[in-house]
Amino acid sequence: MVPSISVARTNHSLTISVKGKFSFESHHLFRKTYHNEDAQTQSKITHFSVDLSETNYIDSSALGMLLLLREEALAKDATIALLHPQPEIRKILETANFHKIFEIV
């Protein structure tokens, strides 16, 4: 499956959806998504969500991207959550101890 990244904004919340393979190839698009959205709006983003429900692969580069987004969120006093990861993806996140630093719903 070709990776796809989309964004949805509601009030002060930004949801980034990752479909397919979440890997190094997604790096520029993933970062551009939340940087552009934040720069184009007058209202502050107070909550970031990353929807992983349709993500079927995740690598260490993607884990690094999530950590960078977390740093960005913390710098803005925003919260962050990882939404609905598939069981295989959840296992990778837990192996990397992401459940200790992210809310995983």
N, C-alpha and C. Protein backbone atom coordinates (compact mmCIF):
# COMPACT_ATOMS: atom_id res chain seq x y z
N MET A 1 0.84 -1.19 0.00
CA MET A 1 0.00 0.00 0.00
C MET A 1 0.88 1.25 0.00
N VAL A 2 0.59 2.19 -0.86
CA VAL A 2 1.31 3.45 -0.93
C VAL A 2 0.97 4.28 0.30
N PRO A 3 1.98 4.84 0.99
CA PRO A 3 1.69 5.61 2.19
C PRO A 3 0.90 6.88 1.86
N SER A 4 0.02 7.23 2.76
CA SER A 4 -0.79 8.43 2.60
C SER A 4 -0.89 9.12 3.95
N ILE A 5 -0.70 10.42 3.96
CA ILE A 5 -0.81 11.19 5.19
C ILE A 5 -1.79 12.32 4.94
N SER A 6 -2.78 12.41 5.83
CA SER A 6 -3.77 13.48 5.71
C SER A 6 -3.93 14.15 7.07
N VAL A 7 -4.53 15.32 7.05
CA VAL A 7 -4.68 16.09 8.28
C VAL A 7 -6.11 16.61 8.39
N ALA A 8 -6.60 16.64 9.61
CA ALA A 8 -7.91 17.22 9.90
C ALA A 8 -7.76 18.14 11.10
N ARG A 9 -8.37 19.31 11.01
CA ARG A 9 -8.27 20.29 12.08
C ARG A 9 -9.65 20.61 12.62
N THR A 10 -9.82 20.57 13.92
CA THR A 10 -11.05 21.01 14.56
C THR A 10 -10.67 21.88 15.75
N ASN A 11 -11.08 23.12 15.70
CA ASN A 11 -10.76 24.09 16.76
C ASN A 11 -9.27 24.07 17.06
N HIS A 12 -8.89 23.59 18.24
CA HIS A 12 -7.49 23.60 18.65
C HIS A 12 -6.83 22.23 18.57
N SER A 13 -7.45 21.31 17.84
CA SER A 13 -6.95 19.94 17.74
C SER A 13 -6.56 19.63 16.29
N LEU A 14 -5.45 18.92 16.16
CA LEU A 14 -4.95 18.52 14.84
C LEU A 14 -4.79 17.00 14.83
N THR A 15 -5.44 16.34 13.87
CA THR A 15 -5.31 14.89 13.74
C THR A 15 -4.60 14.58 12.43
N ILE A 16 -3.51 13.84 12.54
CA ILE A 16 -2.74 13.40 11.38
C ILE A 16 -3.03 11.92 11.20
N SER A 17 -3.52 11.54 10.04
CA SER A 17 -3.82 10.14 9.74
C SER A 17 -2.76 9.57 8.82
N VAL A 18 -2.22 8.44 9.21
CA VAL A 18 -1.19 7.77 8.42
C VAL A 18 -1.77 6.45 7.92
N LYS A 19 -1.84 6.32 6.60
CA LYS A 19 -2.39 5.10 6.00
C LYS A 19 -1.28 4.37 5.26
N GLY A 20 -1.19 3.07 5.47
CA GLY A 20 -0.18 2.27 4.79
C GLY A 20 1.11 2.21 5.57
N LYS A 21 2.21 2.34 4.86
CA LYS A 21 3.55 2.19 5.43
C LYS A 21 4.02 3.52 6.01
N PHE A 22 4.35 3.53 7.30
CA PHE A 22 4.86 4.72 7.97
C PHE A 22 6.35 4.50 8.17
N SER A 23 7.14 5.13 7.30
CA SER A 23 8.58 4.88 7.30
C SER A 23 9.33 6.15 6.90
N PHE A 24 10.62 6.01 6.69
CA PHE A 24 11.46 7.15 6.34
C PHE A 24 10.92 7.91 5.13
N GLU A 25 10.35 7.20 4.18
CA GLU A 25 9.82 7.85 2.98
C GLU A 25 8.73 8.87 3.31
N SER A 26 8.11 8.74 4.47
CA SER A 26 7.03 9.64 4.89
C SER A 26 7.55 10.87 5.62
N HIS A 27 8.84 10.92 5.88
CA HIS A 27 9.43 11.94 6.75
C HIS A 27 9.04 13.37 6.37
N HIS A 28 9.33 13.76 5.15
CA HIS A 28 9.08 15.15 4.75
C HIS A 28 7.59 15.49 4.78
N LEU A 29 6.78 14.61 4.27
CA LEU A 29 5.34 14.86 4.26
C LEU A 29 4.76 14.94 5.67
N PHE A 30 5.20 14.05 6.56
CA PHE A 30 4.69 14.04 7.93
C PHE A 30 5.03 15.35 8.64
N ARG A 31 6.28 15.76 8.57
CA ARG A 31 6.69 17.02 9.24
C ARG A 31 6.01 18.22 8.60
N LYS A 32 5.95 18.23 7.28
CA LYS A 32 5.32 19.35 6.57
C LYS A 32 3.86 19.49 6.98
N THR A 33 3.20 18.37 7.20
CA THR A 33 1.78 18.38 7.54
C THR A 33 1.52 19.20 8.80
N TYR A 34 2.23 18.91 9.88
CA TYR A 34 1.94 19.65 11.11
C TYR A 34 2.60 21.01 11.16
N HIS A 35 3.74 21.19 10.50
CA HIS A 35 4.35 22.52 10.46
C HIS A 35 3.50 23.49 9.65
N ASN A 36 3.04 23.07 8.48
CA ASN A 36 2.21 23.94 7.64
C ASN A 36 0.90 24.29 8.31
N GLU A 37 0.26 23.30 8.92
CA GLU A 37 -1.03 23.53 9.55
C GLU A 37 -0.90 24.53 10.69
N ASP A 38 0.16 24.40 11.47
CA ASP A 38 0.36 25.31 12.59
C ASP A 38 0.68 26.72 12.11
N ALA A 39 1.45 26.84 11.03
CA ALA A 39 1.84 28.14 10.51
C ALA A 39 0.67 28.87 9.85
N GLN A 40 -0.29 28.13 9.31
CA GLN A 40 -1.39 28.73 8.56
C GLN A 40 -2.57 29.15 9.43
N THR A 41 -2.50 28.92 10.70
CA THR A 41 -3.66 29.19 11.55
C THR A 41 -3.35 30.23 12.60
N GLN A 42 -4.35 30.95 12.99
CA GLN A 42 -4.21 31.95 14.04
C GLN A 42 -4.36 31.33 15.43
N SER A 43 -5.18 30.29 15.53
CA SER A 43 -5.43 29.68 16.84
C SER A 43 -4.39 28.61 17.14
N LYS A 44 -4.02 28.54 18.39
CA LYS A 44 -2.99 27.62 18.84
C LYS A 44 -3.51 26.19 18.89
N ILE A 45 -2.69 25.26 18.43
CA ILE A 45 -3.02 23.84 18.54
C ILE A 45 -2.67 23.40 19.95
N THR A 46 -3.66 22.83 20.65
CA THR A 46 -3.43 22.36 22.01
C THR A 46 -3.45 20.84 22.13
N HIS A 47 -3.83 20.17 21.06
CA HIS A 47 -3.82 18.70 21.09
C HIS A 47 -3.51 18.15 19.69
N PHE A 48 -2.52 17.27 19.66
CA PHE A 48 -2.16 16.56 18.43
C PHE A 48 -2.59 15.10 18.58
N SER A 49 -3.15 14.54 17.53
CA SER A 49 -3.48 13.11 17.48
C SER A 49 -2.86 12.54 16.22
N VAL A 50 -2.35 11.33 16.34
CA VAL A 50 -1.85 10.61 15.16
C VAL A 50 -2.68 9.35 15.05
N ASP A 51 -3.50 9.29 14.01
CA ASP A 51 -4.38 8.15 13.78
C ASP A 51 -3.60 7.06 13.04
N LEU A 52 -3.38 5.96 13.74
CA LEU A 52 -2.61 4.84 13.18
C LEU A 52 -3.50 3.66 12.83
N SER A 53 -4.80 3.88 12.77
CA SER A 53 -5.74 2.77 12.54
C SER A 53 -5.55 2.10 11.19
N GLU A 54 -5.04 2.83 10.21
CA GLU A 54 -4.83 2.25 8.88
C GLU A 54 -3.35 2.13 8.53
N THR A 55 -2.51 2.18 9.57
CA THR A 55 -1.07 2.00 9.38
C THR A 55 -0.77 0.51 9.48
N ASN A 56 -0.11 -0.03 8.46
CA ASN A 56 0.17 -1.47 8.48
C ASN A 56 1.66 -1.79 8.66
N TYR A 57 2.50 -0.75 8.75
CA TYR A 57 3.94 -0.95 8.93
C TYR A 57 4.50 0.31 9.56
N ILE A 58 5.41 0.13 10.51
CA ILE A 58 6.07 1.28 11.13
C ILE A 58 7.52 0.91 11.37
N ASP A 59 8.44 1.82 11.06
CA ASP A 59 9.86 1.53 11.28
C ASP A 59 10.45 2.52 12.27
N SER A 60 11.75 2.39 12.53
CA SER A 60 12.39 3.23 13.53
C SER A 60 12.39 4.71 13.13
N SER A 61 12.42 4.99 11.84
CA SER A 61 12.34 6.39 11.39
C SER A 61 11.00 7.00 11.78
N ALA A 62 9.94 6.23 11.62
CA ALA A 62 8.61 6.71 12.00
C ALA A 62 8.52 6.93 13.50
N LEU A 63 9.14 6.04 14.28
CA LEU A 63 9.16 6.24 15.73
C LEU A 63 9.87 7.56 16.06
N GLY A 64 10.95 7.83 15.35
CA GLY A 64 11.66 9.09 15.53
C GLY A 64 10.80 10.29 15.16
N MET A 65 10.01 10.17 14.10
CA MET A 65 9.10 11.26 13.71
C MET A 65 8.06 11.51 14.79
N LEU A 66 7.57 10.45 15.40
CA LEU A 66 6.60 10.61 16.49
C LEU A 66 7.25 11.31 17.68
N LEU A 67 8.50 10.98 17.96
CA LEU A 67 9.21 11.65 19.06
C LEU A 67 9.42 13.14 18.76
N LEU A 68 9.73 13.46 17.50
CA LEU A 68 9.88 14.87 17.12
C LEU A 68 8.56 15.62 17.26
N LEU A 69 7.47 14.99 16.87
CA LEU A 69 6.16 15.61 17.03
C LEU A 69 5.86 15.81 18.52
N ARG A 70 6.23 14.84 19.34
CA ARG A 70 6.02 14.97 20.79
C ARG A 70 6.80 16.17 21.33
N GLU A 71 8.05 16.32 20.90
CA GLU A 71 8.85 17.48 21.33
C GLU A 71 8.18 18.78 20.93
N GLU A 72 7.68 18.83 19.71
CA GLU A 72 6.97 20.01 19.21
C GLU A 72 5.74 20.29 20.07
N ALA A 73 4.99 19.25 20.37
CA ALA A 73 3.78 19.41 21.19
C ALA A 73 4.13 19.91 22.58
N LEU A 74 5.14 19.33 23.20
CA LEU A 74 5.54 19.75 24.54
C LEU A 74 6.01 21.20 24.54
N ALA A 75 6.72 21.61 23.51
CA ALA A 75 7.18 23.00 23.41
C ALA A 75 6.02 23.98 23.32
N LYS A 76 4.88 23.51 22.83
CA LYS A 76 3.69 24.36 22.68
C LYS A 76 2.68 24.12 23.80
N ASP A 77 3.09 23.39 24.84
CA ASP A 77 2.19 23.02 25.94
C ASP A 77 0.95 22.30 25.42
N ALA A 78 1.13 21.49 24.41
CA ALA A 78 0.03 20.72 23.82
C ALA A 78 0.15 19.26 24.25
N THR A 79 -0.96 18.55 24.16
CA THR A 79 -0.97 17.12 24.43
C THR A 79 -0.90 16.36 23.12
N ILE A 80 -0.58 15.07 23.23
CA ILE A 80 -0.48 14.24 22.03
C ILE A 80 -0.98 12.83 22.34
N ALA A 81 -1.66 12.23 21.38
CA ALA A 81 -2.16 10.86 21.54
C ALA A 81 -1.96 10.10 20.23
N LEU A 82 -1.71 8.81 20.37
CA LEU A 82 -1.63 7.90 19.23
C LEU A 82 -2.92 7.10 19.23
N LEU A 83 -3.63 7.14 18.11
CA LEU A 83 -4.98 6.57 18.06
C LEU A 83 -5.04 5.25 17.32
N HIS A 84 -5.69 4.29 17.91
CA HIS A 84 -6.14 3.03 17.31
C HIS A 84 -5.08 2.27 16.50
N PRO A 85 -3.88 2.06 17.07
CA PRO A 85 -2.91 1.27 16.30
C PRO A 85 -3.36 -0.19 16.17
N GLN A 86 -3.06 -0.78 15.03
CA GLN A 86 -3.30 -2.20 14.82
C GLN A 86 -2.48 -2.99 15.86
N PRO A 87 -2.86 -4.22 16.19
CA PRO A 87 -2.13 -4.99 17.21
C PRO A 87 -0.62 -5.09 16.96
N GLU A 88 -0.22 -5.28 15.71
CA GLU A 88 1.22 -5.39 15.42
C GLU A 88 1.93 -4.06 15.67
N ILE A 89 1.27 -2.97 15.31
CA ILE A 89 1.84 -1.64 15.51
C ILE A 89 1.89 -1.33 17.00
N ARG A 90 0.82 -1.64 17.73
CA ARG A 90 0.78 -1.43 19.18
C ARG A 90 1.93 -2.17 19.86
N LYS A 91 2.20 -3.38 19.42
CA LYS A 91 3.29 -4.18 20.00
C LYS A 91 4.63 -3.49 19.80
N ILE A 92 4.86 -2.94 18.62
CA ILE A 92 6.10 -2.21 18.35
C ILE A 92 6.19 -0.98 19.23
N LEU A 93 5.09 -0.24 19.36
CA LEU A 93 5.08 0.96 20.21
C LEU A 93 5.38 0.60 21.66
N GLU A 94 4.79 -0.48 22.14
CA GLU A 94 5.02 -0.90 23.52
C GLU A 94 6.43 -1.42 23.73
N THR A 95 6.98 -2.12 22.74
CA THR A 95 8.36 -2.59 22.82
C THR A 95 9.32 -1.41 22.93
N ALA A 96 8.99 -0.32 22.25
CA ALA A 96 9.80 0.90 22.29
C ALA A 96 9.46 1.77 23.50
N ASN A 97 8.59 1.28 24.38
CA ASN A 97 8.16 2.00 25.59
C ASN A 97 7.43 3.31 25.30
N PHE A 98 6.81 3.39 24.13
CA PHE A 98 6.06 4.59 23.79
C PHE A 98 4.82 4.74 24.66
N HIS A 99 4.31 3.65 25.21
CA HIS A 99 3.15 3.75 26.09
C HIS A 99 3.47 4.52 27.37
N LYS A 100 4.77 4.72 27.66
CA LYS A 100 5.17 5.47 28.84
C LYS A 100 5.23 6.97 28.58
N ILE A 101 5.33 7.36 27.31
CA ILE A 101 5.47 8.79 27.00
C ILE A 101 4.37 9.32 26.10
N PHE A 102 3.53 8.43 25.57
CA PHE A 102 2.39 8.83 24.74
C PHE A 102 1.13 8.22 25.33
N GLU A 103 0.04 8.91 25.14
CA GLU A 103 -1.26 8.30 25.40
C GLU A 103 -1.58 7.47 24.15
N ILE A 104 -1.82 6.18 24.33
CA ILE A 104 -2.18 5.31 23.21
C ILE A 104 -3.61 4.87 23.44
N VAL A 105 -4.49 5.28 22.54
CA VAL A 105 -5.92 5.00 22.69
C VAL A 105 -6.33 3.90 21.73
